[in-house]
């Protein structure tokens, strides 16, 4: 078991005063099987009216607006999370025929339906089927996710939040969200329910207790073969004690950490910093 303190700071500087700003953030870790959120708070500067709710996918969302003129908006999320060591493999592993059953597909339709950003071309779909051939659904998901990670190079700045899985694959470079979108498209094409996971990754699994390190927002995926199983294709390994879940959805569009609009045409620059401290 691991206990992590996460401080996620997002600061936006504007080139001229903004008088009205409407925003929502997804920065609060959730309590789910294998993870317990012990503490969580979000501070907004300048002062803002806030409203908390859970969205359709179960993510905690803080919506806020401010009517005070400002040239800088800062949101600081501080949380303490306890993470249990995940099992090395699912305790239940359905076969292809069971996953294809009408009741299973109906219950997981949102994790099977193609999305614009995860839809793959015919050639890539066929290639993923060849990778999965001869495996049961769980083994196929492992093989395909590792295959994606082996093809892609982690290179920030060459893709954006609207880059499709097919575009990222052709580029051969991208960031964690691209790895996940490609893997999601491939697994859903095979008939394996799969979902996008957004959260944090502690970059130093062996860091001593009390040491604060610079981490990052991160993305991985989970697939369902009787129960959910998390895998990080960017790092080619299962989700572990160093992964903190904030949100799940069909793709990145369901889980952005920050989304907002302002009145006027002010230019802006965003700075994001994530710090993680192992408590035990």
Protein backbone atom coordinates (compact mmCIF):
# COMPACT_ATOMS: atom_id res chain seq x y z
CA UNK A 1 0.00 0.00 0.00
CA UNK A 2 1.21 3.50 -0.80
CA UNK A 3 0.06 6.89 0.47
CA UNK A 4 0.72 9.88 -1.78
CA UNK A 5 0.17 13.60 -1.37
CA UNK A 6 -0.49 15.34 -4.68
CA UNK A 7 -0.35 19.09 -5.27
CA UNK A 8 -1.52 20.06 -8.76
CA UNK A 9 -1.17 23.75 -9.61
CA UNK A 10 -2.53 25.32 -12.78
CA UNK A 11 -1.82 29.01 -13.34
CA UNK A 12 -3.03 31.06 -16.31
CA UNK A 13 -1.54 34.48 -16.99
CA UNK A 14 -3.48 36.86 -19.28
CA UNK A 15 -1.98 39.69 -21.31
CA UNK A 16 -4.74 42.03 -20.19
CA UNK A 17 -7.37 42.00 -17.42
CA UNK A 18 -10.15 39.43 -17.70
CA UNK A 19 -13.40 40.45 -16.03
CA UNK A 20 -15.45 37.27 -16.35
CA UNK A 21 -14.24 33.68 -16.28
CA UNK A 22 -16.21 30.41 -16.24
CA UNK A 23 -14.34 27.17 -15.62
CA UNK A 24 -14.49 23.57 -14.45
CA UNK A 25 -11.65 21.38 -13.24
CA UNK A 26 -11.19 17.64 -12.78
CA UNK A 27 -8.31 17.46 -10.32
CA UNK A 28 -9.78 15.51 -7.39
CA UNK A 29 -8.73 11.86 -7.03
CA UNK A 30 -11.68 9.51 -6.67
CA UNK A 31 -12.37 6.67 -4.27
CA UNK A 32 -12.61 3.49 -6.33
CA UNK A 33 -11.66 -0.16 -5.74
CA UNK A 34 -7.96 -0.13 -4.91
CA UNK A 35 -7.79 3.61 -4.17
CA UNK A 36 -9.11 5.77 -1.32
CA UNK A 37 -9.14 9.56 -1.39
CA UNK A 38 -8.40 10.56 2.23
CA UNK A 39 -8.27 14.34 1.77
CA UNK A 40 -9.02 16.72 -1.08
CA UNK A 41 -9.36 20.46 -1.46
CA UNK A 42 -9.15 22.96 -4.31
CA UNK A 43 -8.24 26.63 -3.86
CA UNK A 44 -9.02 29.23 -6.54
CA UNK A 45 -7.45 32.69 -6.84
CA UNK A 46 -9.02 35.23 -7.33
CA UNK A 47 -12.06 34.50 -5.19
CA UNK A 48 -14.72 32.58 -7.10
CA UNK A 49 -18.18 31.14 -6.65
CA UNK A 50 -17.83 27.35 -6.70
CA UNK A 51 -20.09 24.37 -7.25
CA UNK A 52 -19.16 20.69 -6.92
CA UNK A 53 -20.81 17.82 -8.74
CA UNK A 54 -20.11 14.36 -10.11
CA UNK A 55 -20.35 14.07 -13.85
CA UNK A 56 -21.94 11.21 -15.80
CA UNK A 57 -18.74 9.15 -15.55
CA UNK A 58 -18.43 9.55 -11.77
CA UNK A 59 -15.67 12.15 -11.82
CA UNK A 60 -15.63 14.88 -9.17
CA UNK A 61 -15.86 18.26 -10.89
CA UNK A 62 -15.38 21.71 -9.41
CA UNK A 63 -17.18 24.38 -11.46
CA UNK A 64 -16.45 28.01 -10.66
CA UNK A 65 -16.77 31.51 -12.02
CA UNK A 66 -15.28 34.82 -11.06
CA UNK A 67 -16.48 38.30 -11.90
CA UNK A 68 -13.40 40.04 -10.48
CA UNK A 69 -10.97 41.60 -12.93
CA UNK A 70 -7.77 39.57 -12.95
CA UNK A 71 -4.63 38.99 -15.01
CA UNK A 72 -3.81 35.67 -13.35
CA UNK A 73 -6.00 32.69 -12.48
CA UNK A 74 -4.55 30.03 -10.20
CA UNK A 75 -6.09 26.72 -9.19
CA UNK A 76 -4.35 24.55 -6.60
CA UNK A 77 -5.62 21.04 -5.90
CA UNK A 78 -4.17 19.28 -2.84
CA UNK A 79 -5.05 15.68 -2.10
CA UNK A 80 -3.94 12.69 -0.05
CA UNK A 81 -4.56 9.29 -1.59
CA UNK A 82 -4.01 5.71 -0.46
CA UNK A 83 -3.34 3.24 -3.27
CA UNK A 84 -3.35 -0.54 -2.92
CA UNK A 85 -1.11 -2.82 -4.95
CA UNK A 86 -3.20 -3.97 -7.95
CA UNK A 87 -3.44 -7.66 -8.77
CA UNK A 88 -1.04 -8.90 -11.43
CA UNK A 89 -3.99 -10.05 -13.53
CA UNK A 90 -7.81 -10.04 -13.33
CA UNK A 91 -9.37 -12.66 -11.07
CA UNK A 92 -12.08 -13.14 -13.72
CA UNK A 93 -11.16 -13.59 -17.39
CA UNK A 94 -14.04 -13.99 -19.80
CA UNK A 95 -13.55 -15.53 -23.22
CA UNK A 96 -14.36 -14.03 -26.60
CA UNK A 97 -17.76 -15.70 -26.80
CA UNK A 98 -18.75 -14.39 -23.37
CA UNK A 99 -17.63 -10.85 -24.24
CA UNK A 100 -19.69 -11.02 -27.44
CA UNK A 101 -22.90 -11.88 -25.55
CA UNK A 102 -25.68 -9.35 -26.14
CA UNK A 103 -26.13 -8.50 -22.45
CA UNK A 104 -22.40 -7.87 -21.96
CA UNK A 105 -22.15 -5.66 -25.04
CA UNK A 106 -25.25 -3.74 -24.02
CA UNK A 107 -23.92 -3.12 -20.49
CA UNK A 108 -20.59 -1.87 -21.88
CA UNK A 109 -21.79 -0.16 -25.05
CA UNK A 110 -20.14 3.16 -24.10
CA UNK A 111 -16.77 1.42 -23.74
CA UNK A 112 -17.14 -0.38 -27.08
CA UNK A 113 -18.53 2.28 -29.40
CA UNK A 114 -15.96 4.02 -31.65
CA UNK A 115 -15.24 7.67 -31.01
CA UNK A 116 -13.92 10.19 -33.57
CA UNK A 117 -10.60 10.50 -31.75
CA UNK A 118 -10.15 6.72 -31.25
CA UNK A 119 -11.47 5.44 -34.59
CA UNK A 120 -8.82 3.50 -36.53
CA UNK A 121 -8.47 2.84 -40.24
CA UNK A 122 -9.05 -0.61 -41.74
CA UNK A 123 -5.33 -1.41 -42.04
CA UNK A 124 -4.60 -0.60 -38.41
CA UNK A 125 -7.65 -2.57 -37.26
CA UNK A 126 -6.47 -5.60 -39.22
CA UNK A 127 -2.94 -5.24 -37.85
CA UNK A 128 -4.26 -5.21 -34.27
CA UNK A 129 -6.28 -8.34 -34.97
CA UNK A 130 -3.14 -10.08 -36.15
CA UNK A 131 -1.37 -9.08 -32.93
CA UNK A 132 -4.28 -10.44 -30.86
CA UNK A 133 -4.64 -13.72 -32.77
CA UNK A 134 -4.44 -16.82 -30.61
CA UNK A 135 -4.88 -15.01 -27.30
CA UNK A 136 -7.81 -14.82 -24.90
CA UNK A 137 -9.25 -11.28 -24.44
CA UNK A 138 -7.00 -10.32 -21.52
CA UNK A 139 -3.85 -11.63 -23.18
CA UNK A 140 -4.88 -9.94 -26.42
CA UNK A 141 -5.34 -6.61 -24.62
CA UNK A 142 -1.86 -6.94 -23.08
CA UNK A 143 -0.30 -7.82 -26.43
CA UNK A 144 -2.02 -5.00 -28.31
CA UNK A 145 -1.22 -2.37 -25.65
CA UNK A 146 2.44 -3.41 -25.62
CA UNK A 147 2.46 -3.36 -29.43
CA UNK A 148 1.16 0.22 -29.39
CA UNK A 149 3.82 1.23 -26.87
CA UNK A 150 6.50 -0.42 -28.97
CA UNK A 151 5.47 1.47 -32.11
CA UNK A 152 5.08 4.93 -30.54
CA UNK A 153 7.85 7.22 -29.32
CA UNK A 154 7.08 9.51 -26.40
CA UNK A 155 7.74 12.98 -27.80
CA UNK A 156 5.84 15.99 -26.37
CA UNK A 157 4.75 18.80 -28.66
CA UNK A 158 4.11 16.91 -31.91
CA UNK A 159 0.43 16.17 -31.21
CA UNK A 160 -2.44 18.01 -29.52
CA UNK A 161 -5.63 17.21 -27.64
CA UNK A 162 -7.55 16.93 -30.93
CA UNK A 163 -5.06 14.60 -32.66
CA UNK A 164 -6.80 11.37 -33.65
CA UNK A 165 -5.44 7.90 -32.90
CA UNK A 166 -4.88 7.26 -36.60
CA UNK A 167 -2.96 10.54 -37.02
CA UNK A 168 -0.79 9.79 -33.99
CA UNK A 169 -0.04 6.27 -35.25
CA UNK A 170 1.06 7.58 -38.63
CA UNK A 171 3.23 10.19 -36.89
CA UNK A 172 4.71 7.47 -34.68
CA UNK A 173 5.27 10.01 -31.91
CA UNK A 174 3.11 11.55 -29.25
CA UNK A 175 2.28 11.67 -25.56
CA UNK A 176 0.41 9.39 -23.19
CA UNK A 177 -3.04 10.40 -24.41
CA UNK A 178 -2.07 9.35 -27.95
CA UNK A 179 -0.83 5.96 -26.77
CA UNK A 180 -4.12 5.46 -24.92
CA UNK A 181 -6.37 6.60 -27.78
CA UNK A 182 -4.69 4.16 -30.17
CA UNK A 183 -4.95 1.28 -27.70
CA UNK A 184 -8.60 2.12 -26.99
CA UNK A 185 -9.46 2.08 -30.69
CA UNK A 186 -7.71 -1.26 -31.18
CA UNK A 187 -9.27 -2.97 -28.16
CA UNK A 188 -12.77 -1.72 -28.89
CA UNK A 189 -12.33 -2.93 -32.46
CA UNK A 190 -11.55 -6.38 -31.08
CA UNK A 191 -14.67 -6.32 -28.90
CA UNK A 192 -12.91 -5.68 -25.57
CA UNK A 193 -14.57 -2.90 -23.51
CA UNK A 194 -11.96 -0.27 -22.67
CA UNK A 195 -11.90 3.19 -21.10
CA UNK A 196 -9.57 6.18 -20.77
CA UNK A 197 -8.10 6.91 -17.32
CA UNK A 198 -6.73 10.30 -16.33
CA UNK A 199 -4.69 10.93 -13.21
CA UNK A 200 -1.16 11.27 -11.92
CA UNK A 201 2.01 9.22 -12.16
CA UNK A 202 4.73 9.27 -9.51
CA UNK A 203 7.95 9.26 -11.59
CA UNK A 204 10.15 7.63 -8.95
CA UNK A 205 8.62 4.45 -7.56
CA UNK A 206 11.44 4.05 -5.04
CA UNK A 207 11.46 7.62 -3.74
CA UNK A 208 11.94 7.82 0.01
CA UNK A 209 9.09 8.81 2.31
CA UNK A 210 8.74 12.58 2.69
CA UNK A 211 10.62 13.51 -0.47
CA UNK A 212 8.68 15.78 -2.85
CA UNK A 213 9.31 15.18 -6.54
CA UNK A 214 7.99 16.76 -9.71
CA UNK A 215 5.46 14.43 -11.31
CA UNK A 216 2.98 14.83 -14.10
CA UNK A 217 -0.59 14.41 -15.15
CA UNK A 218 -0.83 11.09 -16.92
CA UNK A 219 -3.18 8.85 -18.89
CA UNK A 220 -3.54 5.09 -19.14
CA UNK A 221 -6.40 2.73 -19.88
CA UNK A 222 -8.49 0.00 -18.32
CA UNK A 223 -10.13 -2.93 -20.10
CA UNK A 224 -12.94 -5.16 -18.90
CA UNK A 225 -12.79 -8.94 -19.15
CA UNK A 226 -15.10 -9.68 -16.22
CA UNK A 227 -13.54 -6.95 -14.09
CA UNK A 228 -11.50 -3.85 -14.88
CA UNK A 229 -7.74 -4.07 -15.31
CA UNK A 230 -5.44 -1.06 -15.63
CA UNK A 231 -2.49 -0.87 -18.01
CA UNK A 232 -0.10 1.95 -18.91
CA UNK A 233 0.89 1.59 -22.60
CA UNK A 234 3.28 4.54 -22.43
CA UNK A 235 5.41 2.67 -19.89
CA UNK A 236 4.38 -0.85 -21.04
CA UNK A 237 3.28 -2.09 -17.63
CA UNK A 238 0.26 -2.52 -15.45
CA UNK A 239 -1.06 0.41 -13.44
CA UNK A 240 0.54 0.25 -9.99
CA UNK A 241 1.11 1.98 -6.67
CA UNK A 242 2.45 5.04 -8.48
CA UNK A 243 -0.76 5.65 -10.49
CA UNK A 244 -3.45 7.90 -8.97
CA UNK A 245 -6.90 7.85 -10.63
CA UNK A 246 -8.75 11.14 -11.07
CA UNK A 247 -11.21 10.42 -13.88
CA UNK A 248 -12.39 7.82 -16.38
CA UNK A 249 -14.19 8.37 -19.66
CA UNK A 250 -14.48 7.34 -23.29
CA UNK A 251 -11.48 9.44 -24.33
CA UNK A 252 -9.62 12.60 -23.30
CA UNK A 253 -12.64 14.75 -24.17
CA UNK A 254 -14.52 13.35 -21.15
CA UNK A 255 -11.75 14.01 -18.63
CA UNK A 256 -9.80 17.27 -19.28
CA UNK A 257 -8.21 18.55 -16.04
CA UNK A 258 -9.12 22.16 -16.91
CA UNK A 259 -11.76 23.62 -19.19
CA UNK A 260 -12.96 27.21 -19.28
CA UNK A 261 -14.07 30.29 -21.17
CA UNK A 262 -13.44 33.99 -20.62
CA UNK A 263 -15.09 37.13 -21.88
CA UNK A 264 -13.04 39.21 -24.25
CA UNK A 265 -10.05 38.28 -26.37
CA UNK A 266 -7.19 38.24 -23.87
CA UNK A 267 -4.19 36.13 -24.79
CA UNK A 268 -2.99 33.66 -22.19
CA UNK A 269 -0.15 31.41 -21.08
CA UNK A 270 -0.78 28.31 -18.93
CA UNK A 271 1.72 26.80 -16.50
CA UNK A 272 1.02 23.42 -14.90
CA UNK A 273 2.99 21.89 -12.04
CA UNK A 274 2.40 18.56 -10.26
CA UNK A 275 4.27 17.66 -7.08
CA UNK A 276 4.00 14.28 -5.39
CA UNK A 277 5.21 13.25 -1.94
CA UNK A 278 5.22 9.68 -0.71
CA UNK A 279 3.80 9.63 2.81
CA UNK A 280 4.48 5.95 3.40
